[in-house]
Amino acid sequence: MGERLEKVNATLLSILGTTLRGSWIIPEALATVTTVRVAPDLRTAVVWVSLLPHDTGLWPEVVSKLPELQRAAAHRLQTKHTPKLSLKQDTGGVHAQHIDRLLRESR
């Protein structure tokens, strides 16, 4: 991955994380932008979001924030084109908890 692409990924991560944190008003859950992967042509980006607790059924609420996240990226990102964002749910934390539980049970 090139230096420019890494910089755009990091900048978008910061912009989107701040935007999501500022607009998330559901006290029983925490939504965090964990990773951003911008395509080499800078036209699209996949935004990975972790939702804790995972099984709250609030993923549609996160998805409803996509237009707000897109606007924030367009407003603050200084590139010729703003990548079209798509959201994916990051379940890595849930998977890690499951493995940890299995390891504890096997002792």
C-alpha atoms as a PDB file:
ATOM      1  CA  MET A   1       0.000   0.000   0.000  1.00  0.00           C
ATOM      2  CA  GLY A   2       1.369   3.388  -0.956  1.00  0.00           C
ATOM      3  CA  GLU A   3       2.091   6.184   1.464  1.00  0.00           C
ATOM      4  CA  ARG A   4      -0.690   8.356   0.016  1.00  0.00           C
ATOM      5  CA  LEU A   5      -3.266   5.582   0.371  1.00  0.00           C
ATOM      6  CA  GLU A   6      -2.189   4.949   3.972  1.00  0.00           C
ATOM      7  CA  LYS A   7      -2.575   8.660   4.716  1.00  0.00           C
ATOM      8  CA  VAL A   8      -6.081   8.756   3.195  1.00  0.00           C
ATOM      9  CA  ASN A   9      -7.041   5.634   5.207  1.00  0.00           C
ATOM     10  CA  ALA A  10      -5.776   7.218   8.447  1.00  0.00           C
ATOM     11  CA  THR A  11      -7.440  10.563   7.716  1.00  0.00           C
ATOM     12  CA  LEU A  12     -10.777   8.923   6.922  1.00  0.00           C
ATOM     13  CA  LEU A  13     -10.520   6.758  10.050  1.00  0.00           C
ATOM     14  CA  SER A  14     -10.120   9.896  12.147  1.00  0.00           C
ATOM     15  CA  ILE A  15     -12.897  11.847  10.382  1.00  0.00           C
ATOM     16  CA  LEU A  16     -15.400   8.993  10.468  1.00  0.00           C
ATOM     17  CA  GLY A  17     -14.553   7.933  14.016  1.00  0.00           C
ATOM     18  CA  THR A  18     -15.069  11.464  15.310  1.00  0.00           C
ATOM     19  CA  THR A  19     -18.296  11.861  13.329  1.00  0.00           C
ATOM     20  CA  LEU A  20     -19.745   8.555  14.506  1.00  0.00           C
ATOM     21  CA  ARG A  21     -18.769   9.225  18.117  1.00  0.00           C
ATOM     22  CA  GLY A  22     -20.411  12.653  17.941  1.00  0.00           C
ATOM     23  CA  SER A  23     -23.665  11.371  16.477  1.00  0.00           C
ATOM     24  CA  TRP A  24     -24.034   8.107  18.408  1.00  0.00           C
ATOM     25  CA  ILE A  25     -26.585   8.699  21.166  1.00  0.00           C
ATOM     26  CA  ILE A  26     -27.525   5.168  22.146  1.00  0.00           C
ATOM     27  CA  PRO A  27     -26.137   4.691  25.663  1.00  0.00           C
ATOM     28  CA  GLU A  28     -26.523   0.907  25.766  1.00  0.00           C
ATOM     29  CA  ALA A  29     -24.098   0.332  22.871  1.00  0.00           C
ATOM     30  CA  LEU A  30     -20.734   1.559  21.639  1.00  0.00           C
ATOM     31  CA  ALA A  31     -20.010   2.011  17.928  1.00  0.00           C
ATOM     32  CA  THR A  32     -16.382   2.439  16.857  1.00  0.00           C
ATOM     33  CA  VAL A  33     -14.770   2.801  13.438  1.00  0.00           C
ATOM     34  CA  THR A  34     -11.983   0.216  13.556  1.00  0.00           C
ATOM     35  CA  THR A  35     -10.567   0.190  10.018  1.00  0.00           C
ATOM     36  CA  VAL A  36     -10.921   2.033   6.736  1.00  0.00           C
ATOM     37  CA  ARG A  37      -9.729   0.531   3.434  1.00  0.00           C
ATOM     38  CA  VAL A  38      -9.752   2.915   0.501  1.00  0.00           C
ATOM     39  CA  ALA A  39      -9.492   1.478  -3.015  1.00  0.00           C
ATOM     40  CA  PRO A  40      -6.280   2.366  -4.879  1.00  0.00           C
ATOM     41  CA  ASP A  41      -8.243   4.654  -7.239  1.00  0.00           C
ATOM     42  CA  LEU A  42      -9.725   6.489  -4.190  1.00  0.00           C
ATOM     43  CA  ARG A  43     -13.273   6.033  -5.559  1.00  0.00           C
ATOM     44  CA  THR A  44     -14.591   3.662  -2.866  1.00  0.00           C
ATOM     45  CA  ALA A  45     -13.829   2.816   0.740  1.00  0.00           C
ATOM     46  CA  VAL A  46     -14.940   0.062   3.088  1.00  0.00           C
ATOM     47  CA  VAL A  47     -15.469   1.264   6.654  1.00  0.00           C
ATOM     48  CA  TRP A  48     -15.339  -1.419   9.340  1.00  0.00           C
ATOM     49  CA  VAL A  49     -17.407  -0.603  12.428  1.00  0.00           C
ATOM     50  CA  SER A  50     -17.395  -2.510  15.688  1.00  0.00           C
ATOM     51  CA  LEU A  51     -20.617  -2.504  17.695  1.00  0.00           C
ATOM     52  CA  LEU A  52     -20.494  -3.539  21.348  1.00  0.00           C
ATOM     53  CA  PRO A  53     -22.332  -5.378  22.611  1.00  0.00           C
ATOM     54  CA  HIS A  54     -22.466  -7.141  19.271  1.00  0.00           C
ATOM     55  CA  ASP A  55     -25.875  -8.782  19.565  1.00  0.00           C
ATOM     56  CA  THR A  56     -27.939  -5.684  20.400  1.00  0.00           C
ATOM     57  CA  GLY A  57     -29.667  -5.565  17.028  1.00  0.00           C
ATOM     58  CA  LEU A  58     -28.531  -1.970  16.529  1.00  0.00           C
ATOM     59  CA  TRP A  59     -26.605  -2.508  13.280  1.00  0.00           C
ATOM     60  CA  PRO A  60     -29.410  -0.823  11.253  1.00  0.00           C
ATOM     61  CA  GLU A  61     -28.880   2.266  13.436  1.00  0.00           C
ATOM     62  CA  VAL A  62     -25.195   2.287  12.457  1.00  0.00           C
ATOM     63  CA  VAL A  63     -26.109   1.894   8.781  1.00  0.00           C
ATOM     64  CA  SER A  64     -28.504   4.841   9.096  1.00  0.00           C
ATOM     65  CA  LYS A  65     -25.462   7.018   9.897  1.00  0.00           C
ATOM     66  CA  LEU A  66     -23.913   6.367   6.464  1.00  0.00           C
ATOM     67  CA  PRO A  67     -25.194   9.593   4.824  1.00  0.00           C
ATOM     68  CA  GLU A  68     -23.836  11.632   7.735  1.00  0.00           C
ATOM     69  CA  LEU A  69     -20.471   9.846   7.498  1.00  0.00           C
ATOM     70  CA  GLN A  70     -20.377  10.416   3.727  1.00  0.00           C
ATOM     71  CA  ARG A  71     -21.051  14.148   4.188  1.00  0.00           C
ATOM     72  CA  ALA A  72     -18.326  14.447   6.835  1.00  0.00           C
ATOM     73  CA  ALA A  73     -15.838  12.719   4.537  1.00  0.00           C
ATOM     74  CA  ALA A  74     -16.773  14.973   1.613  1.00  0.00           C
ATOM     75  CA  HIS A  75     -16.490  18.081   3.756  1.00  0.00           C
ATOM     76  CA  ARG A  76     -13.185  17.329   5.486  1.00  0.00           C
ATOM     77  CA  LEU A  77     -11.228  15.061   3.148  1.00  0.00           C
ATOM     78  CA  GLN A  78      -8.986  17.033   0.823  1.00  0.00           C
ATOM     79  CA  THR A  79      -8.881  14.854  -2.265  1.00  0.00           C
ATOM     80  CA  LYS A  80     -10.182  15.382  -5.784  1.00  0.00           C
ATOM     81  CA  HIS A  81     -12.852  12.720  -5.263  1.00  0.00           C
ATOM     82  CA  THR A  82     -14.488  11.613  -2.052  1.00  0.00           C
ATOM     83  CA  PRO A  83     -14.605   7.830  -1.836  1.00  0.00           C
ATOM     84  CA  LYS A  84     -18.081   6.299  -1.803  1.00  0.00           C
ATOM     85  CA  LEU A  85     -18.327   4.662   1.609  1.00  0.00           C
ATOM     86  CA  SER A  86     -19.756   1.265   2.437  1.00  0.00           C
ATOM     87  CA  LEU A  87     -20.106  -0.113   5.952  1.00  0.00           C
ATOM     88  CA  LYS A  88     -19.161  -3.573   7.177  1.00  0.00           C
ATOM     89  CA  GLN A  89     -19.652  -4.851  10.691  1.00  0.00           C
ATOM     90  CA  ASP A  90     -16.366  -5.712  12.403  1.00  0.00           C
ATOM     91  CA  THR A  91     -16.971  -8.865  14.437  1.00  0.00           C
ATOM     92  CA  GLY A  92     -13.324  -9.457  15.332  1.00  0.00           C
ATOM     93  CA  GLY A  93     -13.916  -8.612  18.991  1.00  0.00           C
ATOM     94  CA  VAL A  94     -16.775 -11.097  19.213  1.00  0.00           C
ATOM     95  CA  HIS A  95     -14.628 -13.759  17.590  1.00  0.00           C
ATOM     96  CA  ALA A  96     -11.776 -13.057  20.040  1.00  0.00           C
ATOM     97  CA  GLN A  97     -14.164 -13.321  23.001  1.00  0.00           C
ATOM     98  CA  HIS A  98     -15.456 -16.645  21.680  1.00  0.00           C
ATOM     99  CA  ILE A  99     -11.923 -18.041  21.344  1.00  0.00           C
ATOM    100  CA  ASP A 100     -11.025 -16.760  24.810  1.00  0.00           C
ATOM    101  CA  ARG A 101     -14.097 -18.472  26.273  1.00  0.00           C
ATOM    102  CA  LEU A 102     -13.226 -21.734  24.508  1.00  0.00           C
ATOM    103  CA  LEU A 103      -9.662 -21.586  25.812  1.00  0.00           C
ATOM    104  CA  ARG A 104     -10.852 -20.952  29.372  1.00  0.00           C
ATOM    105  CA  GLU A 105     -13.311 -23.847  29.174  1.00  0.00           C
ATOM    106  CA  SER A 106     -10.631 -26.225  27.941  1.00  0.00           C
ATOM    107  CA  ARG A 107      -8.457 -25.737  31.039  1.00  0.00           C
END
